[in-house]
Amino acid sequence: MTVYVGIGGWVFEEWRDNFYPKGLSQKKELEYASRHLTAIEVNGTYYGSQKPESFARWYDETPDDFVFTLKGPRFATNRRVLAESGDSIERFVESGITRLKKKLGPINWQFMATKKFDPEDFSAFLSLLPAKHDGMALRHAVEVRHPSFASAEFVTLCAKHRVAIITSGDSEFPLIADVTTDFAYARIMGTTDKEKLGYSKAAIAKWAERAKDWSQGHAPKDLPLLTKAAAKKNRDVFLFVISGAKARNPAAAQAIIAAL
């Protein structure tokens, strides 16, 4: 098992002369970020396809143990009928993502807050997610934001399809902490400008402890579950400091890494 901790993307003006050293070339930002964090969630793939050469370049510019998680395209998730997403999912999977090789982490399929839980249609969507491509196993996670998903039925459905449910921490969205497959994925959104590290030291320690619990097969005791905790088994964990006071997010992620 491994705990990967990072941020969303690596291009953000407020990280220059803050997270990034003064005068660092923008072309060197990924190289720098990947040596101070252990993962990055790529948001750009949500809005449009990337070139295969871009995935290959990201692979070359980052350390061997670094991981990228990718957002699936909005064209697949922002639909009235999810069962009709097959073409969009297929195009994304065939866009060159496997050029990331062993550095390809889970794919985050993010849904708008207005999307409600329809068991039949959501099951059809999960069935469309491929287990492998180009001989590589693919891992999938869903980020749902409507309160109707906070149900045992949804958790059971994701477990059936071996798809992770992303835990939205410190946010306005429903917090679902049930682990439904062999990895856990959390996005925490509570950083504030008032804290030098984005989070208080106590909050940093708490999220590090939760990540450690997940990695060792335990359910964090302070997070509620909708179903019975799964059997204990070591697992990978992906934790991203997202949104909130974005300028503080790299510091928060580094602090969690240090706490771990």
C-alpha atoms as a PDB file:
ATOM      1  CA  MET A   1       0.000   0.000   0.000  1.00  0.00           C
ATOM      2  CA  THR A   2       1.012   3.603  -0.611  1.00  0.00           C
ATOM      3  CA  VAL A   3      -0.509   6.934   0.381  1.00  0.00           C
ATOM      4  CA  TYR A   4      -0.303   9.504  -2.409  1.00  0.00           C
ATOM      5  CA  VAL A   5      -0.903  13.149  -1.507  1.00  0.00           C
ATOM      6  CA  GLY A   6      -1.137  16.057  -3.898  1.00  0.00           C
ATOM      7  CA  ILE A   7      -3.007  18.953  -5.436  1.00  0.00           C
ATOM      8  CA  GLY A   8      -5.144  19.695  -8.481  1.00  0.00           C
ATOM      9  CA  GLY A   9      -2.974  20.564 -11.472  1.00  0.00           C
ATOM     10  CA  TRP A  10       0.351  22.352 -11.375  1.00  0.00           C
ATOM     11  CA  VAL A  11      -0.305  25.569 -13.304  1.00  0.00           C
ATOM     12  CA  PHE A  12      -1.633  28.332 -11.054  1.00  0.00           C
ATOM     13  CA  GLU A  13      -0.336  31.900 -10.980  1.00  0.00           C
ATOM     14  CA  GLU A  14      -0.622  32.244  -7.195  1.00  0.00           C
ATOM     15  CA  TRP A  15       1.737  29.290  -6.712  1.00  0.00           C
ATOM     16  CA  ARG A  16       4.502  31.242  -8.432  1.00  0.00           C
ATOM     17  CA  ASP A  17       6.859  32.910  -5.933  1.00  0.00           C
ATOM     18  CA  ASN A  18       4.860  31.001  -3.290  1.00  0.00           C
ATOM     19  CA  PHE A  19       5.048  27.244  -3.799  1.00  0.00           C
ATOM     20  CA  TYR A  20       7.369  27.592  -6.774  1.00  0.00           C
ATOM     21  CA  PRO A  21      10.724  29.337  -6.286  1.00  0.00           C
ATOM     22  CA  LYS A  22      10.993  32.831  -7.683  1.00  0.00           C
ATOM     23  CA  GLY A  23      12.107  32.821 -11.282  1.00  0.00           C
ATOM     24  CA  LEU A  24      11.321  29.145 -11.916  1.00  0.00           C
ATOM     25  CA  SER A  25      10.481  28.611 -15.567  1.00  0.00           C
ATOM     26  CA  GLN A  26       6.865  27.555 -16.165  1.00  0.00           C
ATOM     27  CA  LYS A  27       8.217  24.624 -18.153  1.00  0.00           C
ATOM     28  CA  LYS A  28       9.851  23.380 -14.950  1.00  0.00           C
ATOM     29  CA  GLU A  29       6.763  23.632 -12.726  1.00  0.00           C
ATOM     30  CA  LEU A  30       5.647  20.007 -13.154  1.00  0.00           C
ATOM     31  CA  GLU A  31       9.180  18.796 -12.551  1.00  0.00           C
ATOM     32  CA  TYR A  32       9.345  20.848  -9.339  1.00  0.00           C
ATOM     33  CA  ALA A  33       5.855  19.955  -8.086  1.00  0.00           C
ATOM     34  CA  SER A  34       6.389  16.237  -8.650  1.00  0.00           C
ATOM     35  CA  ARG A  35       9.460  16.301  -6.418  1.00  0.00           C
ATOM     36  CA  HIS A  36       7.670  18.000  -3.515  1.00  0.00           C
ATOM     37  CA  LEU A  37       4.381  16.092  -3.743  1.00  0.00           C
ATOM     38  CA  THR A  38       3.561  12.489  -4.575  1.00  0.00           C
ATOM     39  CA  ALA A  39       0.530  12.913  -6.862  1.00  0.00           C
ATOM     40  CA  ILE A  40      -1.358  15.405  -8.997  1.00  0.00           C
ATOM     41  CA  GLU A  41      -4.978  15.293 -10.117  1.00  0.00           C
ATOM     42  CA  VAL A  42      -5.272  16.544 -13.710  1.00  0.00           C
ATOM     43  CA  ASN A  43      -8.321  18.756 -14.199  1.00  0.00           C
ATOM     44  CA  GLY A  44      -7.692  19.590 -17.861  1.00  0.00           C
ATOM     45  CA  THR A  45      -8.880  16.176 -19.036  1.00  0.00           C
ATOM     46  CA  TYR A  46     -12.348  17.061 -17.726  1.00  0.00           C
ATOM     47  CA  TYR A  47     -12.701  19.905 -20.217  1.00  0.00           C
ATOM     48  CA  GLY A  48     -11.037  18.428 -23.286  1.00  0.00           C
ATOM     49  CA  SER A  49      -8.784  15.693 -24.580  1.00  0.00           C
ATOM     50  CA  GLN A  50      -5.016  15.809 -24.250  1.00  0.00           C
ATOM     51  CA  LYS A  51      -2.522  14.634 -26.839  1.00  0.00           C
ATOM     52  CA  PRO A  52      -0.811  11.263 -26.313  1.00  0.00           C
ATOM     53  CA  GLU A  53       2.492  13.136 -26.450  1.00  0.00           C
ATOM     54  CA  SER A  54       1.443  15.186 -23.415  1.00  0.00           C
ATOM     55  CA  PHE A  55       0.869  12.087 -21.295  1.00  0.00           C
ATOM     56  CA  ALA A  56       4.235  10.724 -22.423  1.00  0.00           C
ATOM     57  CA  ARG A  57       5.953  14.008 -21.524  1.00  0.00           C
ATOM     58  CA  TRP A  58       4.373  14.051 -18.071  1.00  0.00           C
ATOM     59  CA  TYR A  59       5.667  10.545 -17.538  1.00  0.00           C
ATOM     60  CA  ASP A  60       9.188  11.580 -18.525  1.00  0.00           C
ATOM     61  CA  GLU A  61       9.252  14.705 -16.335  1.00  0.00           C
ATOM     62  CA  THR A  62       8.242  13.059 -13.053  1.00  0.00           C
ATOM     63  CA  PRO A  63       9.870  10.620 -10.590  1.00  0.00           C
ATOM     64  CA  ASP A  64       9.326   6.872 -10.860  1.00  0.00           C
ATOM     65  CA  ASP A  65       7.025   6.728  -7.832  1.00  0.00           C
ATOM     66  CA  PHE A  66       4.846   9.699  -8.830  1.00  0.00           C
ATOM     67  CA  VAL A  67       1.186   9.242  -9.807  1.00  0.00           C
ATOM     68  CA  PHE A  68      -1.327  11.197 -11.886  1.00  0.00           C
ATOM     69  CA  THR A  69      -5.049  10.805 -11.408  1.00  0.00           C
ATOM     70  CA  LEU A  70      -7.140  12.056 -14.312  1.00  0.00           C
ATOM     71  CA  LYS A  71     -10.601  13.547 -14.434  1.00  0.00           C
ATOM     72  CA  GLY A  72     -12.842  11.811 -16.918  1.00  0.00           C
ATOM     73  CA  PRO A  73     -14.405  14.078 -19.563  1.00  0.00           C
ATOM     74  CA  ARG A  74     -17.495  16.081 -18.676  1.00  0.00           C
ATOM     75  CA  PHE A  75     -19.046  14.881 -21.945  1.00  0.00           C
ATOM     76  CA  ALA A  76     -19.452  11.490 -20.255  1.00  0.00           C
ATOM     77  CA  THR A  77     -20.845  12.639 -16.906  1.00  0.00           C
ATOM     78  CA  ASN A  78     -22.863  15.769 -17.715  1.00  0.00           C
ATOM     79  CA  ARG A  79     -25.655  13.835 -19.411  1.00  0.00           C
ATOM     80  CA  ARG A  80     -29.309  13.277 -18.689  1.00  0.00           C
ATOM     81  CA  VAL A  81     -28.927   9.596 -19.629  1.00  0.00           C
ATOM     82  CA  LEU A  82     -25.629   8.203 -18.383  1.00  0.00           C
ATOM     83  CA  ALA A  83     -26.160   4.928 -20.201  1.00  0.00           C
ATOM     84  CA  GLU A  84     -25.419   6.837 -23.428  1.00  0.00           C
ATOM     85  CA  SER A  85     -21.888   7.792 -22.319  1.00  0.00           C
ATOM     86  CA  GLY A  86     -20.117   4.885 -23.977  1.00  0.00           C
ATOM     87  CA  ASP A  87     -18.647   6.797 -26.931  1.00  0.00           C
ATOM     88  CA  SER A  88     -17.247   9.573 -24.709  1.00  0.00           C
ATOM     89  CA  ILE A  89     -15.716   7.074 -22.295  1.00  0.00           C
ATOM     90  CA  GLU A  90     -14.156   5.112 -25.146  1.00  0.00           C
ATOM     91  CA  ARG A  91     -12.635   8.213 -26.770  1.00  0.00           C
ATOM     92  CA  PHE A  92     -11.097   9.263 -23.469  1.00  0.00           C
ATOM     93  CA  VAL A  93      -9.614   5.862 -22.718  1.00  0.00           C
ATOM     94  CA  GLU A  94      -8.149   5.720 -26.229  1.00  0.00           C
ATOM     95  CA  SER A  95      -6.721   9.274 -26.066  1.00  0.00           C
ATOM     96  CA  GLY A  96      -3.299   8.123 -24.886  1.00  0.00           C
ATOM     97  CA  ILE A  97      -3.782   7.908 -21.120  1.00  0.00           C
ATOM     98  CA  THR A  98      -1.843   4.630 -20.972  1.00  0.00           C
ATOM     99  CA  ARG A  99       1.243   6.557 -22.090  1.00  0.00           C
ATOM    100  CA  LEU A 100       1.478   7.390 -18.378  1.00  0.00           C
ATOM    101  CA  LYS A 101       2.256   3.686 -17.818  1.00  0.00           C
ATOM    102  CA  LYS A 102       2.676   2.828 -14.129  1.00  0.00           C
ATOM    103  CA  LYS A 103       2.123   6.486 -13.183  1.00  0.00           C
ATOM    104  CA  LEU A 104      -1.539   6.326 -14.219  1.00  0.00           C
ATOM    105  CA  GLY A 105      -3.673   6.454 -11.089  1.00  0.00           C
ATOM    106  CA  PRO A 106      -7.460   6.262 -10.819  1.00  0.00           C
ATOM    107  CA  ILE A 107      -9.806   8.129 -13.134  1.00  0.00           C
ATOM    108  CA  ASN A 108     -12.149  10.547 -11.370  1.00  0.00           C
ATOM    109  CA  TRP A 109     -15.592  10.627 -12.978  1.00  0.00           C
ATOM    110  CA  GLN A 110     -17.022  13.825 -11.503  1.00  0.00           C
ATOM    111  CA  PHE A 111     -20.747  14.608 -11.558  1.00  0.00           C
ATOM    112  CA  MET A 112     -22.464  17.955 -11.170  1.00  0.00           C
ATOM    113  CA  ALA A 113     -24.280  18.735  -7.935  1.00  0.00           C
ATOM    114  CA  THR A 114     -27.596  18.704  -9.803  1.00  0.00           C
ATOM    115  CA  LYS A 115     -27.187  15.063 -10.889  1.00  0.00           C
ATOM    116  CA  LYS A 116     -29.429  12.831  -8.766  1.00  0.00           C
ATOM    117  CA  PHE A 117     -28.978   9.153  -8.045  1.00  0.00           C
ATOM    118  CA  ASP A 118     -30.865   6.967 -10.502  1.00  0.00           C
ATOM    119  CA  PRO A 119     -29.845   3.383  -9.591  1.00  0.00           C
ATOM    120  CA  GLU A 120     -30.622   1.829 -12.968  1.00  0.00           C
ATOM    121  CA  ASP A 121     -28.953   4.521 -15.060  1.00  0.00           C
ATOM    122  CA  PHE A 122     -25.947   4.846 -12.760  1.00  0.00           C
ATOM    123  CA  SER A 123     -25.453   1.078 -12.838  1.00  0.00           C
ATOM    124  CA  ALA A 124     -25.474   1.263 -16.636  1.00  0.00           C
ATOM    125  CA  PHE A 125     -22.787   3.960 -16.492  1.00  0.00           C
ATOM    126  CA  LEU A 126     -20.566   1.935 -14.167  1.00  0.00           C
ATOM    127  CA  SER A 127     -20.901  -1.023 -16.522  1.00  0.00           C
ATOM    128  CA  LEU A 128     -19.385   1.094 -19.304  1.00  0.00           C
ATOM    129  CA  LEU A 129     -16.138   1.753 -17.413  1.00  0.00           C
ATOM    130  CA  PRO A 130     -13.444  -0.548 -18.850  1.00  0.00           C
ATOM    131  CA  ALA A 131     -11.385  -2.679 -16.493  1.00  0.00           C
ATOM    132  CA  LYS A 132      -8.317  -2.459 -18.721  1.00  0.00           C
ATOM    133  CA  HIS A 133      -6.908  -0.882 -21.867  1.00  0.00           C
ATOM    134  CA  ASP A 134      -3.727  -1.621 -23.818  1.00  0.00           C
ATOM    135  CA  GLY A 135      -3.105  -4.434 -21.362  1.00  0.00           C
ATOM    136  CA  MET A 136      -3.159  -2.056 -18.387  1.00  0.00           C
ATOM    137  CA  ALA A 137      -5.622  -2.322 -15.526  1.00  0.00           C
ATOM    138  CA  LEU A 138      -7.717   0.819 -15.073  1.00  0.00           C
ATOM    139  CA  ARG A 139      -9.037   2.080 -11.737  1.00  0.00           C
ATOM    140  CA  HIS A 140     -12.164   4.188 -11.552  1.00  0.00           C
ATOM    141  CA  ALA A 141     -13.678   6.483  -8.916  1.00  0.00           C
ATOM    142  CA  VAL A 142     -16.869   8.537  -8.932  1.00  0.00           C
ATOM    143  CA  GLU A 143     -17.311  11.944  -7.359  1.00  0.00           C
ATOM    144  CA  VAL A 144     -20.992  12.552  -6.692  1.00  0.00           C
ATOM    145  CA  ARG A 145     -22.363  15.762  -5.215  1.00  0.00           C
ATOM    146  CA  HIS A 146     -26.129  15.390  -4.835  1.00  0.00           C
ATOM    147  CA  PRO A 147     -27.498  14.322  -1.414  1.00  0.00           C
ATOM    148  CA  SER A 148     -29.496  11.498  -3.023  1.00  0.00           C
ATOM    149  CA  PHE A 149     -26.248   9.502  -3.412  1.00  0.00           C
ATOM    150  CA  ALA A 150     -25.757   9.268   0.354  1.00  0.00           C
ATOM    151  CA  SER A 151     -27.404   5.861   0.540  1.00  0.00           C
ATOM    152  CA  ALA A 152     -26.417   2.278   1.236  1.00  0.00           C
ATOM    153  CA  GLU A 153     -27.827   1.303  -2.172  1.00  0.00           C
ATOM    154  CA  PHE A 154     -25.315   3.541  -3.949  1.00  0.00           C
ATOM    155  CA  VAL A 155     -22.407   2.223  -1.874  1.00  0.00           C
ATOM    156  CA  THR A 156     -23.419  -1.378  -2.592  1.00  0.00           C
ATOM    157  CA  LEU A 157     -23.715  -0.617  -6.304  1.00  0.00           C
ATOM    158  CA  CYS A 158     -20.199   0.842  -6.471  1.00  0.00           C
ATOM    159  CA  ALA A 159     -18.787  -2.104  -4.533  1.00  0.00           C
ATOM    160  CA  LYS A 160     -20.423  -4.476  -7.018  1.00  0.00           C
ATOM    161  CA  HIS A 161     -18.642  -2.727  -9.890  1.00  0.00           C
ATOM    162  CA  ARG A 162     -15.368  -2.282  -7.936  1.00  0.00           C
ATOM    163  CA  VAL A 163     -15.504   1.488  -8.353  1.00  0.00           C
ATOM    164  CA  ALA A 164     -14.366   3.824  -5.567  1.00  0.00           C
ATOM    165  CA  ILE A 165     -16.519   6.583  -4.119  1.00  0.00           C
ATOM    166  CA  ILE A 166     -14.555   9.785  -3.644  1.00  0.00           C
ATOM    167  CA  THR A 167     -14.772  11.173  -0.127  1.00  0.00           C
ATOM    168  CA  SER A 168     -15.456  14.918  -0.297  1.00  0.00           C
ATOM    169  CA  GLY A 169     -13.968  16.286   2.896  1.00  0.00           C
ATOM    170  CA  ASP A 170     -14.606  19.682   4.495  1.00  0.00           C
ATOM    171  CA  SER A 171     -17.048  20.672   1.769  1.00  0.00           C
ATOM    172  CA  GLU A 172     -20.722  21.389   1.120  1.00  0.00           C
ATOM    173  CA  PHE A 173     -21.111  18.071  -0.683  1.00  0.00           C
ATOM    174  CA  PRO A 174     -22.229  14.814   0.950  1.00  0.00           C
ATOM    175  CA  LEU A 175     -19.375  13.044   2.717  1.00  0.00           C
ATOM    176  CA  ILE A 176     -19.349   9.346   1.834  1.00  0.00           C
ATOM    177  CA  ALA A 177     -16.435   7.581   3.506  1.00  0.00           C
ATOM    178  CA  ASP A 178     -17.302   3.971   2.615  1.00  0.00           C
ATOM    179  CA  VAL A 179     -14.487   2.148   0.800  1.00  0.00           C
ATOM    180  CA  THR A 180     -15.857   0.055  -2.068  1.00  0.00           C
ATOM    181  CA  THR A 181     -12.735  -1.302  -3.784  1.00  0.00           C
ATOM    182  CA  ASP A 182      -9.007  -1.842  -3.270  1.00  0.00           C
ATOM    183  CA  PHE A 183      -8.134   1.852  -2.992  1.00  0.00           C
ATOM    184  CA  ALA A 184      -9.488   4.957  -1.270  1.00  0.00           C
ATOM    185  CA  TYR A 185      -9.749   8.417  -2.845  1.00  0.00           C
ATOM    186  CA  ALA A 186     -10.376  11.662  -0.951  1.00  0.00           C
ATOM    187  CA  ARG A 187     -10.571  15.310  -2.022  1.00  0.00           C
ATOM    188  CA  ILE A 188     -10.426  17.748   0.884  1.00  0.00           C
ATOM    189  CA  MET A 189     -11.594  21.324   0.360  1.00  0.00           C
ATOM    190  CA  GLY A 190     -11.271  23.194   3.633  1.00  0.00           C
ATOM    191  CA  THR A 191      -8.059  25.194   3.360  1.00  0.00           C
ATOM    192  CA  THR A 192      -8.200  28.819   4.494  1.00  0.00           C
ATOM    193  CA  ASP A 193      -5.943  31.858   4.109  1.00  0.00           C
ATOM    194  CA  LYS A 194      -5.963  32.271   7.889  1.00  0.00           C
ATOM    195  CA  GLU A 195      -3.728  29.224   8.280  1.00  0.00           C
ATOM    196  CA  LYS A 196      -0.146  29.321   7.018  1.00  0.00           C
ATOM    197  CA  LEU A 197      -0.432  25.683   5.994  1.00  0.00           C
ATOM    198  CA  GLY A 198      -4.015  26.058   4.801  1.00  0.00           C
ATOM    199  CA  TYR A 199      -5.201  23.793   7.616  1.00  0.00           C
ATOM    200  CA  SER A 200      -4.505  23.905  11.332  1.00  0.00           C
ATOM    201  CA  LYS A 201      -1.889  21.479  12.651  1.00  0.00           C
ATOM    202  CA  ALA A 202      -4.694  19.486  14.251  1.00  0.00           C
ATOM    203  CA  ALA A 203      -6.561  19.179  10.964  1.00  0.00           C
ATOM    204  CA  ILE A 204      -3.357  18.187   9.150  1.00  0.00           C
ATOM    205  CA  ALA A 205      -2.769  15.455  11.711  1.00  0.00           C
ATOM    206  CA  LYS A 206      -6.373  14.273  11.457  1.00  0.00           C
ATOM    207  CA  TRP A 207      -6.307  13.869   7.667  1.00  0.00           C
ATOM    208  CA  ALA A 208      -2.925  12.130   7.847  1.00  0.00           C
ATOM    209  CA  GLU A 209      -4.349   9.712  10.410  1.00  0.00           C
ATOM    210  CA  ARG A 210      -7.427   9.043   8.269  1.00  0.00           C
ATOM    211  CA  ALA A 211      -5.229   8.331   5.253  1.00  0.00           C
ATOM    212  CA  LYS A 212      -3.139   5.975   7.347  1.00  0.00           C
ATOM    213  CA  ASP A 213      -6.272   4.181   8.583  1.00  0.00           C
ATOM    214  CA  TRP A 214      -7.539   3.695   5.031  1.00  0.00           C
ATOM    215  CA  SER A 215      -4.147   2.412   3.875  1.00  0.00           C
ATOM    216  CA  GLN A 216      -4.106  -0.197   6.636  1.00  0.00           C
ATOM    217  CA  GLY A 217      -7.598  -1.418   5.871  1.00  0.00           C
ATOM    218  CA  HIS A 218      -9.361   0.398   8.699  1.00  0.00           C
ATOM    219  CA  ALA A 219     -12.293   2.794   8.517  1.00  0.00           C
ATOM    220  CA  PRO A 220     -11.458   6.157  10.169  1.00  0.00           C
ATOM    221  CA  LYS A 221     -13.376   6.151  13.435  1.00  0.00           C
ATOM    222  CA  ASP A 222     -14.497   9.772  13.129  1.00  0.00           C
ATOM    223  CA  LEU A 223     -16.081   9.438   9.662  1.00  0.00           C
ATOM    224  CA  PRO A 224     -19.616   7.974   9.420  1.00  0.00           C
ATOM    225  CA  LEU A 225     -20.330   4.993   7.176  1.00  0.00           C
ATOM    226  CA  LEU A 226     -23.474   4.129   5.236  1.00  0.00           C
ATOM    227  CA  THR A 227     -22.716   0.406   5.198  1.00  0.00           C
ATOM    228  CA  LYS A 228     -20.777  -2.061   7.286  1.00  0.00           C
ATOM    229  CA  ALA A 229     -17.020  -1.530   7.045  1.00  0.00           C
ATOM    230  CA  ALA A 230     -15.304  -3.754   4.492  1.00  0.00           C
ATOM    231  CA  ALA A 231     -12.920  -6.514   5.513  1.00  0.00           C
ATOM    232  CA  LYS A 232      -9.507  -5.275   6.564  1.00  0.00           C
ATOM    233  CA  LYS A 233      -7.038  -5.155   3.689  1.00  0.00           C
ATOM    234  CA  ASN A 234      -4.124  -2.868   2.929  1.00  0.00           C
ATOM    235  CA  ARG A 235      -4.912  -0.482   0.102  1.00  0.00           C
ATOM    236  CA  ASP A 236      -3.547   2.494  -1.823  1.00  0.00           C
ATOM    237  CA  VAL A 237      -4.862   5.917  -0.835  1.00  0.00           C
ATOM    238  CA  PHE A 238      -5.092   9.025  -3.002  1.00  0.00           C
ATOM    239  CA  LEU A 239      -5.658  12.284  -1.123  1.00  0.00           C
ATOM    240  CA  PHE A 240      -5.832  15.673  -2.828  1.00  0.00           C
ATOM    241  CA  VAL A 241      -6.054  19.139  -1.301  1.00  0.00           C
ATOM    242  CA  ILE A 242      -8.465  20.864  -3.653  1.00  0.00           C
ATOM    243  CA  SER A 243     -10.371  24.133  -3.817  1.00  0.00           C
ATOM    244  CA  GLY A 244     -10.644  26.177  -0.581  1.00  0.00           C
ATOM    245  CA  ALA A 245      -7.804  28.700  -0.320  1.00  0.00           C
ATOM    246  CA  LYS A 246      -6.051  27.349  -3.404  1.00  0.00           C
ATOM    247  CA  ALA A 247      -2.830  29.281  -2.838  1.00  0.00           C
ATOM    248  CA  ARG A 248      -2.370  27.336   0.417  1.00  0.00           C
ATOM    249  CA  ASN A 249      -3.052  23.880  -1.013  1.00  0.00           C
ATOM    250  CA  PRO A 250       0.542  22.876  -1.844  1.00  0.00           C
ATOM    251  CA  ALA A 251       1.625  23.753   1.699  1.00  0.00           C
ATOM    252  CA  ALA A 252      -1.224  21.704   3.149  1.00  0.00           C
ATOM    253  CA  ALA A 253      -0.390  18.721   0.964  1.00  0.00           C
ATOM    254  CA  GLN A 254       3.283  18.909   1.925  1.00  0.00           C
ATOM    255  CA  ALA A 255       2.329  19.125   5.604  1.00  0.00           C
ATOM    256  CA  ILE A 256       0.187  15.983   5.320  1.00  0.00           C
ATOM    257  CA  ILE A 257       3.064  14.175   3.610  1.00  0.00           C
ATOM    258  CA  ALA A 258       5.356  15.250   6.447  1.00  0.00           C
ATOM    259  CA  ALA A 259       2.814  14.093   9.041  1.00  0.00           C
ATOM    260  CA  LEU A 260       2.591  10.695   7.363  1.00  0.00           C
END
